[in-house]
């Protein structure tokens, strides 16, 4: 019984004292310690989370003693979504894009259709040369210039997943998509700023 409890709950000391108290078998302390320790060390190797914390860990919502990790779990994707990027339509032209670039403060442009479906994106660096070719303004379409996003973020992603996607792609901005619909973008800078503020607050508590 002590071994089962120590393994499932990840609480070997609780298991030892509880079983000893229930059975009145304090003379069995040494066997209880051995059984509980073996059970705990065995299960922790295969399953680092207890019965009570496993679901939270799977959702990325488990706050651990590791402060950096704990702060990251407190960040929600909705709090770092940026919606101030100017979008373009696939049927628009290079000339239309140049007008958008002229008034935009960002260097990436999501391409969406009339139903707000996300189709792709146009990084400013990809069109720096052609944007000065005025003869192409009416002939080159946005659909000719856009590229597919290497990856994207969903509203159900936790921040661990988001950071992994940033790491894997090497990108500084990732689109946020919900069931194919364009929501906005999330950037490393915004995530790091939000993370830094939370870390300061967390450290002061």
Protein backbone atom coordinates (compact mmCIF):
# COMPACT_ATOMS: atom_id res chain seq x y z
CA UNK A 1 0.00 0.00 0.00
CA UNK A 2 2.81 2.39 0.85
CA UNK A 3 4.54 1.59 -2.43
CA UNK A 4 1.40 2.25 -4.46
CA UNK A 5 0.73 5.55 -2.72
CA UNK A 6 4.34 6.73 -2.99
CA UNK A 7 4.32 6.00 -6.72
CA UNK A 8 0.92 7.39 -7.69
CA UNK A 9 0.93 10.51 -5.52
CA UNK A 10 4.72 11.09 -5.64
CA UNK A 11 4.69 11.46 -1.85
CA UNK A 12 6.92 8.79 -0.27
CA UNK A 13 7.08 10.42 3.18
CA UNK A 14 3.32 10.80 3.32
CA UNK A 15 2.94 7.17 2.33
CA UNK A 16 5.37 5.99 5.02
CA UNK A 17 3.79 7.88 7.91
CA UNK A 18 0.20 7.37 6.80
CA UNK A 19 0.50 3.60 6.47
CA UNK A 20 2.46 3.38 9.71
CA UNK A 21 -0.25 5.37 11.47
CA UNK A 22 -3.12 3.34 10.00
CA UNK A 23 -1.56 -0.04 10.79
CA UNK A 24 0.16 0.97 13.99
CA UNK A 25 3.18 -0.76 12.60
CA UNK A 26 5.96 1.65 13.55
CA UNK A 27 8.30 -1.31 13.82
CA UNK A 28 7.96 -1.62 10.04
CA UNK A 29 9.49 1.79 9.36
CA UNK A 30 12.57 0.41 7.62
CA UNK A 31 10.61 -1.82 5.21
CA UNK A 32 8.15 1.03 4.56
CA UNK A 33 11.01 3.40 3.78
CA UNK A 34 12.61 0.90 1.39
CA UNK A 35 9.36 0.08 -0.41
CA UNK A 36 8.30 3.73 -0.71
CA UNK A 37 11.73 4.88 -1.87
CA UNK A 38 12.02 2.17 -4.53
CA UNK A 39 8.48 2.83 -5.74
CA UNK A 40 9.01 6.60 -5.91
CA UNK A 41 12.39 6.44 -7.64
CA UNK A 42 11.07 3.94 -10.17
CA UNK A 43 7.92 5.86 -11.09
CA UNK A 44 9.65 9.27 -11.20
CA UNK A 45 11.94 7.91 -13.92
CA UNK A 46 9.01 7.03 -16.18
CA UNK A 47 6.46 9.63 -15.09
CA UNK A 48 7.78 12.94 -13.67
CA UNK A 49 4.31 14.17 -12.67
CA UNK A 50 1.94 12.78 -10.08
CA UNK A 51 -1.67 11.75 -10.60
CA UNK A 52 -2.77 15.23 -9.50
CA UNK A 53 -0.36 17.31 -11.57
CA UNK A 54 -0.16 15.32 -14.81
CA UNK A 55 -3.12 16.98 -16.54
CA UNK A 56 -1.88 20.46 -15.61
CA UNK A 57 1.57 19.59 -16.95
CA UNK A 58 0.09 18.34 -20.23
CA UNK A 59 -1.73 21.66 -20.63
CA UNK A 60 1.43 23.61 -19.80
CA UNK A 61 -0.28 25.12 -16.74
CA UNK A 62 1.76 23.52 -13.99
CA UNK A 63 3.69 26.05 -11.91
CA UNK A 64 6.89 24.46 -10.68
CA UNK A 65 9.69 25.60 -8.39
CA UNK A 66 11.67 26.62 -11.48
CA UNK A 67 10.86 30.32 -11.55
CA UNK A 68 11.53 30.95 -15.25
CA UNK A 69 9.41 27.98 -16.24
CA UNK A 70 6.68 28.98 -13.82
CA UNK A 71 6.47 32.50 -15.23
CA UNK A 72 6.24 31.16 -18.77
CA UNK A 73 3.22 29.05 -17.84
CA UNK A 74 1.43 32.18 -16.64
CA UNK A 75 1.64 33.84 -20.05
CA UNK A 76 -1.41 33.32 -22.26
CA UNK A 77 -1.26 33.56 -26.03
CA UNK A 78 -4.19 36.01 -26.09
CA UNK A 79 -2.17 38.54 -24.08
CA UNK A 80 0.65 38.79 -26.64
CA UNK A 81 -1.24 38.77 -29.96
CA UNK A 82 -0.54 41.82 -32.13
CA UNK A 83 -3.37 42.93 -34.39
CA UNK A 84 -1.90 46.13 -35.80
CA UNK A 85 -0.41 44.56 -38.94
CA UNK A 86 -1.86 45.75 -42.22
CA UNK A 87 -3.17 42.93 -44.41
CA UNK A 88 -3.53 42.62 -48.18
CA UNK A 89 -5.68 40.52 -50.51
CA UNK A 90 -4.27 38.02 -53.04
CA UNK A 91 -5.97 39.77 -55.98
CA UNK A 92 -4.37 43.13 -55.17
CA UNK A 93 -1.32 44.34 -57.06
CA UNK A 94 2.25 45.28 -56.24
CA UNK A 95 1.17 48.90 -56.54
CA UNK A 96 -1.41 48.36 -53.80
CA UNK A 97 1.22 46.73 -51.61
CA UNK A 98 3.60 49.67 -52.05
CA UNK A 99 0.87 52.03 -50.80
CA UNK A 100 0.35 49.83 -47.76
CA UNK A 101 4.09 49.67 -47.08
CA UNK A 102 4.29 53.46 -47.20
CA UNK A 103 1.92 53.85 -44.24
CA UNK A 104 2.73 50.70 -42.29
CA UNK A 105 5.01 50.61 -39.28
CA UNK A 106 5.61 46.88 -39.62
CA UNK A 107 7.73 44.86 -42.04
CA UNK A 108 5.46 41.88 -42.56
CA UNK A 109 2.08 41.75 -44.29
CA UNK A 110 -0.46 38.93 -43.87
CA UNK A 111 -2.39 37.89 -46.97
CA UNK A 112 -6.05 37.08 -46.31
CA UNK A 113 -9.12 36.55 -48.47
CA UNK A 114 -12.56 38.15 -48.21
CA UNK A 115 -13.53 35.61 -45.53
CA UNK A 116 -10.49 36.39 -43.37
CA UNK A 117 -8.83 33.07 -44.20
CA UNK A 118 -5.06 33.22 -43.81
CA UNK A 119 -3.35 32.49 -47.14
CA UNK A 120 0.25 33.48 -46.58
CA UNK A 121 2.46 36.47 -45.86
CA UNK A 122 4.81 38.93 -47.50
CA UNK A 123 8.01 39.93 -45.65
CA UNK A 124 9.22 43.40 -46.63
CA UNK A 125 12.72 42.08 -47.34
CA UNK A 126 11.28 39.86 -50.08
CA UNK A 127 9.93 42.79 -52.09
CA UNK A 128 12.48 45.55 -51.46
CA UNK A 129 13.90 45.35 -54.98
CA UNK A 130 10.73 44.84 -57.00
CA UNK A 131 8.81 47.56 -55.15
CA UNK A 132 10.81 50.17 -57.07
CA UNK A 133 9.91 48.68 -60.45
CA UNK A 134 6.94 50.87 -61.29
CA UNK A 135 6.29 49.02 -64.54
CA UNK A 136 5.36 45.98 -62.42
CA UNK A 137 2.88 47.81 -60.19
CA UNK A 138 -0.18 46.76 -62.19
CA UNK A 139 0.98 43.38 -63.48
CA UNK A 140 2.41 41.65 -60.42
CA UNK A 141 -0.22 40.32 -58.03
CA UNK A 142 0.03 39.79 -54.29
CA UNK A 143 -0.57 36.09 -54.93
CA UNK A 144 2.69 36.08 -56.93
CA UNK A 145 4.65 37.59 -54.06
CA UNK A 146 3.29 35.88 -50.98
CA UNK A 147 4.96 32.92 -49.31
CA UNK A 148 3.62 30.26 -46.98
CA UNK A 149 4.32 30.70 -43.29
CA UNK A 150 6.88 28.10 -42.11
CA UNK A 151 4.73 27.60 -39.03
CA UNK A 152 1.91 29.26 -37.13
CA UNK A 153 0.46 29.56 -33.65
CA UNK A 154 -3.05 28.59 -32.56
CA UNK A 155 -5.12 29.96 -29.70
CA UNK A 156 -4.82 26.62 -27.92
CA UNK A 157 -1.00 26.65 -27.93
CA UNK A 158 0.70 27.27 -24.60
CA UNK A 159 3.78 29.46 -24.38
CA UNK A 160 6.14 26.48 -24.24
CA UNK A 161 4.86 25.45 -27.66
CA UNK A 162 5.12 29.00 -28.98
CA UNK A 163 8.74 29.31 -27.87
CA UNK A 164 9.57 25.95 -29.44
CA UNK A 165 8.10 27.14 -32.75
CA UNK A 166 10.20 30.31 -32.58
CA UNK A 167 13.27 28.20 -31.91
CA UNK A 168 12.56 25.66 -34.66
CA UNK A 169 11.78 28.24 -37.37
CA UNK A 170 14.28 30.91 -36.36
CA UNK A 171 11.57 33.51 -37.05
CA UNK A 172 10.79 36.63 -35.04
CA UNK A 173 7.12 36.74 -36.00
CA UNK A 174 4.54 33.96 -36.31
CA UNK A 175 0.92 34.24 -37.49
CA UNK A 176 -1.87 33.30 -35.09
CA UNK A 177 -4.53 31.20 -36.81
CA UNK A 178 -7.83 29.93 -35.42
CA UNK A 179 -9.55 27.31 -37.57
CA UNK A 180 -7.96 28.79 -40.67
CA UNK A 181 -8.98 32.34 -39.78
CA UNK A 182 -6.37 35.05 -39.36
CA UNK A 183 -6.21 36.45 -35.81
CA UNK A 184 -2.95 38.38 -35.70
CA UNK A 185 0.76 37.85 -35.12
CA UNK A 186 2.90 37.04 -32.12
CA UNK A 187 6.48 38.27 -31.99
CA UNK A 188 9.47 37.28 -29.93
CA UNK A 189 9.89 40.86 -28.77
CA UNK A 190 6.35 41.06 -27.42
CA UNK A 191 6.63 37.68 -25.71
CA UNK A 192 9.97 38.58 -24.11
CA UNK A 193 8.65 41.95 -22.90
CA UNK A 194 5.56 40.33 -21.37
CA UNK A 195 7.74 37.60 -19.88
CA UNK A 196 10.15 40.15 -18.38
CA UNK A 197 7.31 42.11 -16.74
CA UNK A 198 5.80 38.96 -15.27
CA UNK A 199 9.20 37.79 -14.04
CA UNK A 200 9.70 41.09 -12.20
CA UNK A 201 6.25 40.83 -10.62
CA UNK A 202 6.84 37.18 -9.76
CA UNK A 203 10.19 37.99 -8.13
CA UNK A 204 8.66 40.70 -5.96
CA UNK A 205 6.02 38.37 -4.50
